[in-house]
Full PDB file with SEQRES, HELIX, SHEET, SSBOND, CRYST1, ORIGX, SCALE, CONECT and MASTER records, all heavy atoms in Angstrom:
SEQRES   1 A   38  GLY MET GLY LEU GLY ILE PHE ALA SER ASN MET LEU GLY          
SEQRES   2 A   38  TYR PRO ALA VAL PRO SER ILE SER GLY ILE ILE ILE SER          
SEQRES   3 A   38  ILE ALA PHE SER MET GLY ILE GLY LEU PHE PHE GLY              
HELIX    1 AA1 MET A    2  LEU A   12  1                                  11    
HELIX    2 AA2 ILE A   20  PHE A   37  1                                  18    
CRYST1    1.000    1.000    1.000  90.00  90.00  90.00 P 1           1          
ORIGX1      1.000000  0.000000  0.000000        0.00000                         
ORIGX2      0.000000  1.000000  0.000000        0.00000                         
ORIGX3      0.000000  0.000000  1.000000        0.00000                         
SCALE1      1.000000  0.000000  0.000000        0.00000                         
SCALE2      0.000000  1.000000  0.000000        0.00000                         
SCALE3      0.000000  0.000000  1.000000        0.00000                         
ATOM      1  N   GLY A   1       0.808  -1.211   0.000  1.00  0.00           N  
ATOM      2  CA  GLY A   1       0.000   0.000   0.000  1.00  0.00           C  
ATOM      3  C   GLY A   1       0.841   1.260   0.000  1.00  0.00           C  
ATOM      4  O   GLY A   1       0.526   2.231  -0.695  1.00  0.00           O  
ATOM      5  N   MET A   2       1.921   1.272   0.784  1.00  0.00           N  
ATOM      6  CA  MET A   2       2.801   2.446   0.806  1.00  0.00           C  
ATOM      7  C   MET A   2       3.462   2.647  -0.549  1.00  0.00           C  
ATOM      8  O   MET A   2       3.594   3.779  -1.031  1.00  0.00           O  
ATOM      9  CB  MET A   2       3.841   2.299   1.908  1.00  0.00           C  
ATOM     10  CG  MET A   2       3.286   2.444   3.317  1.00  0.00           C  
ATOM     11  SD  MET A   2       4.555   2.421   4.604  1.00  0.00           S  
ATOM     12  CE  MET A   2       5.435   3.938   4.219  1.00  0.00           C  
ATOM     13  N   GLY A   3       3.869   1.530  -1.157  1.00  0.00           N  
ATOM     14  CA  GLY A   3       4.483   1.622  -2.480  1.00  0.00           C  
ATOM     15  C   GLY A   3       3.515   2.193  -3.512  1.00  0.00           C  
ATOM     16  O   GLY A   3       3.860   3.094  -4.283  1.00  0.00           O  
ATOM     17  N   LEU A   4       2.262   1.685  -3.496  1.00  0.00           N  
ATOM     18  CA  LEU A   4       1.257   2.168  -4.435  1.00  0.00           C  
ATOM     19  C   LEU A   4       0.904   3.629  -4.149  1.00  0.00           C  
ATOM     20  O   LEU A   4       0.735   4.430  -5.073  1.00  0.00           O  
ATOM     21  CB  LEU A   4      -0.001   1.301  -4.339  1.00  0.00           C  
ATOM     22  CG  LEU A   4       0.098  -0.128  -4.886  1.00  0.00           C  
ATOM     23  CD1 LEU A   4      -1.172  -0.905  -4.565  1.00  0.00           C  
ATOM     24  CD2 LEU A   4       0.334  -0.108  -6.398  1.00  0.00           C  
ATOM     25  N   GLY A   5       0.794   3.975  -2.852  1.00  0.00           N  
ATOM     26  CA  GLY A   5       0.460   5.344  -2.477  1.00  0.00           C  
ATOM     27  C   GLY A   5       1.531   6.330  -2.907  1.00  0.00           C  
ATOM     28  O   GLY A   5       1.221   7.409  -3.430  1.00  0.00           O  
ATOM     29  N   ILE A   6       2.784   5.982  -2.682  1.00  0.00           N  
ATOM     30  CA  ILE A   6       3.899   6.851  -3.070  1.00  0.00           C  
ATOM     31  C   ILE A   6       3.949   7.000  -4.591  1.00  0.00           C  
ATOM     32  O   ILE A   6       4.137   8.108  -5.117  1.00  0.00           O  
ATOM     33  CB  ILE A   6       5.232   6.298  -2.525  1.00  0.00           C  
ATOM     34  CG1 ILE A   6       5.245   6.409  -0.991  1.00  0.00           C  
ATOM     35  CG2 ILE A   6       6.420   7.044  -3.135  1.00  0.00           C  
ATOM     36  CD1 ILE A   6       6.430   5.714  -0.348  1.00  0.00           C  
ATOM     37  N   PHE A   7       3.740   5.893  -5.301  1.00  0.00           N  
ATOM     38  CA  PHE A   7       3.755   5.929  -6.763  1.00  0.00           C  
ATOM     39  C   PHE A   7       2.628   6.819  -7.294  1.00  0.00           C  
ATOM     40  O   PHE A   7       2.842   7.670  -8.170  1.00  0.00           O  
ATOM     41  CB  PHE A   7       3.612   4.514  -7.324  1.00  0.00           C  
ATOM     42  CG  PHE A   7       3.503   4.456  -8.823  1.00  0.00           C  
ATOM     43  CD1 PHE A   7       4.623   4.634  -9.626  1.00  0.00           C  
ATOM     44  CD2 PHE A   7       2.273   4.234  -9.432  1.00  0.00           C  
ATOM     45  CE1 PHE A   7       4.517   4.590 -11.014  1.00  0.00           C  
ATOM     46  CE2 PHE A   7       2.158   4.185 -10.807  1.00  0.00           C  
ATOM     47  CZ  PHE A   7       3.277   4.363 -11.602  1.00  0.00           C  
ATOM     48  N   ALA A   8       1.404   6.626  -6.749  1.00  0.00           N  
ATOM     49  CA  ALA A   8       0.258   7.410  -7.204  1.00  0.00           C  
ATOM     50  C   ALA A   8       0.446   8.902  -6.884  1.00  0.00           C  
ATOM     51  O   ALA A   8       0.126   9.769  -7.704  1.00  0.00           O  
ATOM     52  CB  ALA A   8      -1.021   6.888  -6.562  1.00  0.00           C  
ATOM     53  N   SER A   9       0.991   9.201  -5.689  1.00  0.00           N  
ATOM     54  CA  SER A   9       1.221  10.596  -5.307  1.00  0.00           C  
ATOM     55  C   SER A   9       2.225  11.260  -6.240  1.00  0.00           C  
ATOM     56  O   SER A   9       2.039  12.411  -6.667  1.00  0.00           O  
ATOM     57  CB  SER A   9       1.716  10.677  -3.858  1.00  0.00           C  
ATOM     58  OG  SER A   9       0.740  10.206  -2.954  1.00  0.00           O  
ATOM     59  N   ASN A  10       3.275  10.542  -6.566  1.00  0.00           N  
ATOM     60  CA  ASN A  10       4.290  11.080  -7.482  1.00  0.00           C  
ATOM     61  C   ASN A  10       3.726  11.288  -8.883  1.00  0.00           C  
ATOM     62  O   ASN A  10       4.060  12.264  -9.564  1.00  0.00           O  
ATOM     63  CB  ASN A  10       5.500  10.159  -7.531  1.00  0.00           C  
ATOM     64  CG  ASN A  10       6.292  10.169  -6.227  1.00  0.00           C  
ATOM     65  OD1 ASN A  10       6.259  11.149  -5.480  1.00  0.00           O  
ATOM     66  ND2 ASN A  10       6.996   9.092  -5.936  1.00  0.00           N  
ATOM     67  N   MET A  11       2.864  10.360  -9.315  1.00  0.00           N  
ATOM     68  CA  MET A  11       2.248  10.499 -10.633  1.00  0.00           C  
ATOM     69  C   MET A  11       1.341  11.728 -10.686  1.00  0.00           C  
ATOM     70  O   MET A  11       1.233  12.392 -11.720  1.00  0.00           O  
ATOM     71  CB  MET A  11       1.442   9.237 -10.973  1.00  0.00           C  
ATOM     72  CG  MET A  11       2.292   8.012 -11.268  1.00  0.00           C  
ATOM     73  SD  MET A  11       3.251   8.194 -12.803  1.00  0.00           S  
ATOM     74  CE  MET A  11       1.947   8.172 -14.022  1.00  0.00           C  
ATOM     75  N   LEU A  12       0.687  12.032  -9.572  1.00  0.00           N  
ATOM     76  CA  LEU A  12      -0.188  13.201  -9.497  1.00  0.00           C  
ATOM     77  C   LEU A  12       0.590  14.491  -9.249  1.00  0.00           C  
ATOM     78  O   LEU A  12       0.023  15.581  -9.299  1.00  0.00           O  
ATOM     79  CB  LEU A  12      -1.227  13.012  -8.390  1.00  0.00           C  
ATOM     80  CG  LEU A  12      -2.266  11.913  -8.615  1.00  0.00           C  
ATOM     81  CD1 LEU A  12      -3.102  11.715  -7.362  1.00  0.00           C  
ATOM     82  CD2 LEU A  12      -3.168  12.263  -9.795  1.00  0.00           C  
ATOM     83  N   GLY A  13       1.876  14.361  -8.958  1.00  0.00           N  
ATOM     84  CA  GLY A  13       2.713  15.528  -8.735  1.00  0.00           C  
ATOM     85  C   GLY A  13       2.685  16.052  -7.317  1.00  0.00           C  
ATOM     86  O   GLY A  13       3.049  17.206  -7.075  1.00  0.00           O  
ATOM     87  N   TYR A  14       2.261  15.232  -6.358  1.00  0.00           N  
ATOM     88  CA  TYR A  14       2.218  15.644  -4.958  1.00  0.00           C  
ATOM     89  C   TYR A  14       3.287  14.905  -4.167  1.00  0.00           C  
ATOM     90  O   TYR A  14       3.596  13.743  -4.463  1.00  0.00           O  
ATOM     91  CB  TYR A  14       0.849  15.344  -4.339  1.00  0.00           C  
ATOM     92  CG  TYR A  14      -0.310  15.987  -5.049  1.00  0.00           C  
ATOM     93  CD1 TYR A  14      -1.334  15.224  -5.590  1.00  0.00           C  
ATOM     94  CD2 TYR A  14      -0.381  17.369  -5.186  1.00  0.00           C  
ATOM     95  CE1 TYR A  14      -2.406  15.813  -6.247  1.00  0.00           C  
ATOM     96  CE2 TYR A  14      -1.443  17.968  -5.840  1.00  0.00           C  
ATOM     97  CZ  TYR A  14      -2.446  17.179  -6.373  1.00  0.00           C  
ATOM     98  OH  TYR A  14      -3.493  17.763  -7.015  1.00  0.00           O  
ATOM     99  N   PRO A  15       3.851  15.521  -3.139  1.00  0.00           N  
ATOM    100  CA  PRO A  15       4.811  14.815  -2.284  1.00  0.00           C  
ATOM    101  C   PRO A  15       4.094  13.727  -1.489  1.00  0.00           C  
ATOM    102  O   PRO A  15       3.007  13.954  -0.955  1.00  0.00           O  
ATOM    103  CB  PRO A  15       5.347  15.917  -1.362  1.00  0.00           C  
ATOM    104  CG  PRO A  15       4.264  16.955  -1.335  1.00  0.00           C  
ATOM    105  CD  PRO A  15       3.644  16.921  -2.701  1.00  0.00           C  
ATOM    106  N   ALA A  16       4.674  12.532  -1.440  1.00  0.00           N  
ATOM    107  CA  ALA A  16       4.061  11.407  -0.741  1.00  0.00           C  
ATOM    108  C   ALA A  16       4.118  11.637   0.769  1.00  0.00           C  
ATOM    109  O   ALA A  16       5.173  11.937   1.315  1.00  0.00           O  
ATOM    110  CB  ALA A  16       4.765  10.107  -1.102  1.00  0.00           C  
ATOM    111  N   VAL A  17       2.964  11.503   1.418  1.00  0.00           N  
ATOM    112  CA  VAL A  17       2.880  11.688   2.874  1.00  0.00           C  
ATOM    113  C   VAL A  17       2.140  10.485   3.468  1.00  0.00           C  
ATOM    114  O   VAL A  17       0.909  10.497   3.566  1.00  0.00           O  
ATOM    115  CB  VAL A  17       2.142  12.991   3.245  1.00  0.00           C  
ATOM    116  CG1 VAL A  17       2.164  13.194   4.758  1.00  0.00           C  
ATOM    117  CG2 VAL A  17       2.764  14.182   2.531  1.00  0.00           C  
ATOM    118  N   PRO A  18       2.859   9.414   3.838  1.00  0.00           N  
ATOM    119  CA  PRO A  18       2.202   8.250   4.443  1.00  0.00           C  
ATOM    120  C   PRO A  18       1.512   8.639   5.749  1.00  0.00           C  
ATOM    121  O   PRO A  18       2.005   9.486   6.496  1.00  0.00           O  
ATOM    122  CB  PRO A  18       3.364   7.278   4.699  1.00  0.00           C  
ATOM    123  CG  PRO A  18       4.449   7.720   3.775  1.00  0.00           C  
ATOM    124  CD  PRO A  18       4.304   9.213   3.667  1.00  0.00           C  
ATOM    125  N   SER A  19       0.367   8.039   5.999  1.00  0.00           N  
ATOM    126  CA  SER A  19      -0.406   8.338   7.207  1.00  0.00           C  
ATOM    127  C   SER A  19       0.009   7.390   8.328  1.00  0.00           C  
ATOM    128  O   SER A  19      -0.248   6.190   8.263  1.00  0.00           O  
ATOM    129  CB  SER A  19      -1.903   8.185   6.922  1.00  0.00           C  
ATOM    130  OG  SER A  19      -2.641   8.273   8.116  1.00  0.00           O  
ATOM    131  N   ILE A  20       0.682   7.941   9.354  1.00  0.00           N  
ATOM    132  CA  ILE A  20       1.106   7.121  10.490  1.00  0.00           C  
ATOM    133  C   ILE A  20      -0.107   6.561  11.220  1.00  0.00           C  
ATOM    134  O   ILE A  20      -0.149   5.369  11.563  1.00  0.00           O  
ATOM    135  CB  ILE A  20       1.973   7.947  11.466  1.00  0.00           C  
ATOM    136  CG1 ILE A  20       3.190   8.532  10.727  1.00  0.00           C  
ATOM    137  CG2 ILE A  20       2.403   7.081  12.636  1.00  0.00           C  
ATOM    138  CD1 ILE A  20       4.089   7.497  10.113  1.00  0.00           C  
ATOM    139  N   SER A  21      -1.107   7.409  11.434  1.00  0.00           N  
ATOM    140  CA  SER A  21      -2.307   6.938  12.120  1.00  0.00           C  
ATOM    141  C   SER A  21      -3.017   5.873  11.301  1.00  0.00           C  
ATOM    142  O   SER A  21      -3.527   4.881  11.853  1.00  0.00           O  
ATOM    143  CB  SER A  21      -3.261   8.113  12.382  1.00  0.00           C  
ATOM    144  OG  SER A  21      -3.649   8.727  11.165  1.00  0.00           O  
ATOM    145  N   GLY A  22      -3.038   6.058   9.966  1.00  0.00           N  
ATOM    146  CA  GLY A  22      -3.657   5.061   9.097  1.00  0.00           C  
ATOM    147  C   GLY A  22      -2.938   3.728   9.162  1.00  0.00           C  
ATOM    148  O   GLY A  22      -3.570   2.664   9.150  1.00  0.00           O  
ATOM    149  N   ILE A  23      -1.597   3.778   9.239  1.00  0.00           N  
ATOM    150  CA  ILE A  23      -0.803   2.545   9.337  1.00  0.00           C  
ATOM    151  C   ILE A  23      -1.118   1.815  10.634  1.00  0.00           C  
ATOM    152  O   ILE A  23      -1.370   0.598  10.648  1.00  0.00           O  
ATOM    153  CB  ILE A  23       0.706   2.879   9.259  1.00  0.00           C  
ATOM    154  CG1 ILE A  23       1.059   3.384   7.849  1.00  0.00           C  
ATOM    155  CG2 ILE A  23       1.547   1.664   9.622  1.00  0.00           C  
ATOM    156  CD1 ILE A  23       2.465   3.921   7.732  1.00  0.00           C  
ATOM    157  N   ILE A  24      -1.117   2.550  11.743  1.00  0.00           N  
ATOM    158  CA  ILE A  24      -1.369   1.936  13.052  1.00  0.00           C  
ATOM    159  C   ILE A  24      -2.776   1.351  13.113  1.00  0.00           C  
ATOM    160  O   ILE A  24      -2.988   0.212  13.546  1.00  0.00           O  
ATOM    161  CB  ILE A  24      -1.168   2.970  14.178  1.00  0.00           C  
ATOM    162  CG1 ILE A  24       0.304   3.414  14.224  1.00  0.00           C  
ATOM    163  CG2 ILE A  24      -1.592   2.389  15.529  1.00  0.00           C  
ATOM    164  CD1 ILE A  24       0.567   4.556  15.182  1.00  0.00           C  
ATOM    165  N   ILE A  25      -3.757   2.131  12.642  1.00  0.00           N  
ATOM    166  CA  ILE A  25      -5.149   1.667  12.686  1.00  0.00           C  
ATOM    167  C   ILE A  25      -5.337   0.433  11.798  1.00  0.00           C  
ATOM    168  O   ILE A  25      -6.022  -0.525  12.191  1.00  0.00           O  
ATOM    169  CB  ILE A  25      -6.099   2.801  12.242  1.00  0.00           C  
ATOM    170  CG1 ILE A  25      -6.097   3.921  13.280  1.00  0.00           C  
ATOM    171  CG2 ILE A  25      -7.517   2.270  12.040  1.00  0.00           C  
ATOM    172  CD1 ILE A  25      -6.870   5.161  12.843  1.00  0.00           C  
ATOM    173  N   SER A  26      -4.738   0.451  10.613  1.00  0.00           N  
ATOM    174  CA  SER A  26      -4.911  -0.670   9.691  1.00  0.00           C  
ATOM    175  C   SER A  26      -4.322  -1.959  10.252  1.00  0.00           C  
ATOM    176  O   SER A  26      -4.944  -3.028  10.179  1.00  0.00           O  
ATOM    177  CB  SER A  26      -4.256  -0.348   8.345  1.00  0.00           C  
ATOM    178  OG  SER A  26      -4.898   0.749   7.736  1.00  0.00           O  
ATOM    179  N   ILE A  27      -3.116  -1.868  10.812  1.00  0.00           N  
ATOM    180  CA  ILE A  27      -2.482  -3.065  11.382  1.00  0.00           C  
ATOM    181  C   ILE A  27      -3.275  -3.558  12.590  1.00  0.00           C  
ATOM    182  O   ILE A  27      -3.522  -4.764  12.748  1.00  0.00           O  
ATOM    183  CB  ILE A  27      -1.018  -2.768  11.777  1.00  0.00           C  
ATOM    184  CG1 ILE A  27      -0.183  -2.457  10.529  1.00  0.00           C  
ATOM    185  CG2 ILE A  27      -0.434  -3.945  12.531  1.00  0.00           C  
ATOM    186  CD1 ILE A  27      -0.112  -3.596   9.534  1.00  0.00           C  
ATOM    187  N   ALA A  28      -3.688  -2.619  13.449  1.00  0.00           N  
ATOM    188  CA  ALA A  28      -4.479  -3.015  14.622  1.00  0.00           C  
ATOM    189  C   ALA A  28      -5.800  -3.635  14.191  1.00  0.00           C  
ATOM    190  O   ALA A  28      -6.260  -4.627  14.783  1.00  0.00           O  
ATOM    191  CB  ALA A  28      -4.725  -1.794  15.507  1.00  0.00           C  
ATOM    192  N   PHE A  29      -6.411  -3.083  13.146  1.00  0.00           N  
ATOM    193  CA  PHE A  29      -7.689  -3.612  12.667  1.00  0.00           C  
ATOM    194  C   PHE A  29      -7.516  -4.995  12.065  1.00  0.00           C  
ATOM    195  O   PHE A  29      -8.374  -5.876  12.246  1.00  0.00           O  
ATOM    196  CB  PHE A  29      -8.281  -2.660  11.630  1.00  0.00           C  
ATOM    197  CG  PHE A  29      -9.691  -2.992  11.233  1.00  0.00           C  
ATOM    198  CD1 PHE A  29     -10.722  -2.848  12.138  1.00  0.00           C  
ATOM    199  CD2 PHE A  29      -9.980  -3.451   9.956  1.00  0.00           C  
ATOM    200  CE1 PHE A  29     -12.027  -3.144  11.782  1.00  0.00           C  
ATOM    201  CE2 PHE A  29     -11.272  -3.759   9.587  1.00  0.00           C  
ATOM    202  CZ  PHE A  29     -12.317  -3.604  10.504  1.00  0.00           C  
ATOM    203  N   SER A  30      -6.407  -5.200  11.345  1.00  0.00           N  
ATOM    204  CA  SER A  30      -6.172  -6.529  10.762  1.00  0.00           C  
ATOM    205  C   SER A  30      -5.991  -7.584  11.853  1.00  0.00           C  
ATOM    206  O   SER A  30      -6.497  -8.711  11.728  1.00  0.00           O  
ATOM    207  CB  SER A  30      -4.941  -6.501   9.842  1.00  0.00           C  
ATOM    208  OG  SER A  30      -3.753  -6.298  10.587  1.00  0.00           O  
ATOM    209  N   MET A  31      -5.277  -7.236  12.931  1.00  0.00           N  
ATOM    210  CA  MET A  31      -5.130  -8.172  14.041  1.00  0.00           C  
ATOM    211  C   MET A  31      -6.460  -8.382  14.751  1.00  0.00           C  
ATOM    212  O   MET A  31      -6.770  -9.485  15.231  1.00  0.00           O  
ATOM    213  CB  MET A  31      -4.077  -7.661  15.022  1.00  0.00           C  
ATOM    214  CG  MET A  31      -2.670  -7.633  14.436  1.00  0.00           C  
ATOM    215  SD  MET A  31      -1.424  -7.145  15.640  1.00  0.00           S  
ATOM    216  CE  MET A  31      -1.432  -8.575  16.732  1.00  0.00           C  
ATOM    217  N   GLY A  32      -7.268  -7.324  14.817  1.00  0.00           N  
ATOM    218  CA  GLY A  32      -8.605  -7.464  15.386  1.00  0.00           C  
ATOM    219  C   GLY A  32      -9.465  -8.396  14.562  1.00  0.00           C  
ATOM    220  O   GLY A  32     -10.267  -9.173  15.110  1.00  0.00           O  
ATOM    221  N   ILE A  33      -9.294  -8.326  13.228  1.00  0.00           N  
ATOM    222  CA  ILE A  33     -10.000  -9.252  12.335  1.00  0.00           C  
ATOM    223  C   ILE A  33      -9.606 -10.689  12.655  1.00  0.00           C  
ATOM    224  O   ILE A  33     -10.444 -11.595  12.713  1.00  0.00           O  
ATOM    225  CB  ILE A  33      -9.669  -8.923  10.859  1.00  0.00           C  
ATOM    226  CG1 ILE A  33     -10.326  -7.610  10.444  1.00  0.00           C  
ATOM    227  CG2 ILE A  33     -10.096 -10.054   9.934  1.00  0.00           C  
ATOM    228  CD1 ILE A  33     -11.817  -7.669  10.274  1.00  0.00           C  
ATOM    229  N   GLY A  34      -8.292 -10.894  12.876  1.00  0.00           N  
ATOM    230  CA  GLY A  34      -7.808 -12.240  13.219  1.00  0.00           C  
ATOM    231  C   GLY A  34      -8.393 -12.733  14.526  1.00  0.00           C  
ATOM    232  O   GLY A  34      -8.784 -13.900  14.658  1.00  0.00           O  
ATOM    233  N   LEU A  35      -8.472 -11.816  15.508  1.00  0.00           N  
ATOM    234  CA  LEU A  35      -9.036 -12.193  16.806  1.00  0.00           C  
ATOM    235  C   LEU A  35     -10.519 -12.517  16.688  1.00  0.00           C  
ATOM    236  O   LEU A  35     -11.002 -13.530  17.219  1.00  0.00           O  
ATOM    237  CB  LEU A  35      -8.822 -11.048  17.795  1.00  0.00           C  
ATOM    238  CG  LEU A  35      -9.449 -11.209  19.191  1.00  0.00           C  
ATOM    239  CD1 LEU A  35      -8.844 -12.414  19.904  1.00  0.00           C  
ATOM    240  CD2 LEU A  35      -9.253  -9.944  20.015  1.00  0.00           C  
ATOM    241  N   PHE A  36     -11.255 -11.674  15.954  1.00  0.00           N  
ATOM    242  CA  PHE A  36     -12.703 -11.847  15.854  1.00  0.00           C  
ATOM    243  C   PHE A  36     -13.065 -13.112  15.068  1.00  0.00           C  
ATOM    244  O   PHE A  36     -13.870 -13.930  15.520  1.00  0.00           O  
ATOM    245  CB  PHE A  36     -13.316 -10.616  15.178  1.00  0.00           C  
ATOM    246  CG  PHE A  36     -14.802 -10.676  15.023  1.00  0.00           C  
ATOM    247  CD1 PHE A  36     -15.632 -10.373  16.091  1.00  0.00           C  
ATOM    248  CD2 PHE A  36     -15.377 -11.038  13.805  1.00  0.00           C  
ATOM    249  CE1 PHE A  36     -17.016 -10.437  15.950  1.00  0.00           C  
ATOM    250  CE2 PHE A  36     -16.754 -11.108  13.664  1.00  0.00           C  
ATOM    251  CZ  PHE A  36     -17.573 -10.800  14.739  1.00  0.00           C  
ATOM    252  N   PHE A  37     -12.468 -13.253  13.872  1.00  0.00           N  
ATOM    253  CA  PHE A  37     -12.826 -14.378  13.023  1.00  0.00           C  
ATOM    254  C   PHE A  37     -12.098 -15.668  13.416  1.00  0.00           C  
ATOM    255  O   PHE A  37     -12.471 -16.743  12.958  1.00  0.00           O  
ATOM    256  CB  PHE A  37     -12.546 -14.043  11.550  1.00  0.00           C  
ATOM    257  CG  PHE A  37     -13.526 -13.071  10.962  1.00  0.00           C  
ATOM    258  CD1 PHE A  37     -13.215 -11.729  10.874  1.00  0.00           C  
ATOM    259  CD2 PHE A  37     -14.765 -13.491  10.517  1.00  0.00           C  
ATOM    260  CE1 PHE A  37     -14.115 -10.817  10.330  1.00  0.00           C  
ATOM    261  CE2 PHE A  37     -15.669 -12.591   9.973  1.00  0.00           C  
ATOM    262  CZ  PHE A  37     -15.353 -11.252   9.880  1.00  0.00           C  
ATOM    263  N   GLY A  38     -11.055 -15.531  14.210  1.00  0.00           N  
ATOM    264  CA  GLY A  38     -10.343 -16.732  14.656  1.00  0.00           C  
ATOM    265  C   GLY A  38     -10.925 -17.336  15.921  1.00  0.00           C  
ATOM    266  O   GLY A  38     -10.643 -18.488  16.266  1.00  0.00           O  
TER     267      GLY A  38                                                      
MASTER        0    0    0    2    0    0    0    6  266    1    0    3          
END                                                                             
């Protein structure tokens, strides 16, 4: 996702700014998915 985001941002001519909060929430949510469905 970071690779695709950076590539898309560069193609649009904007500086790539990864979302730290988005990264933390996404990883926590994926582990929550594992806990819930597991």
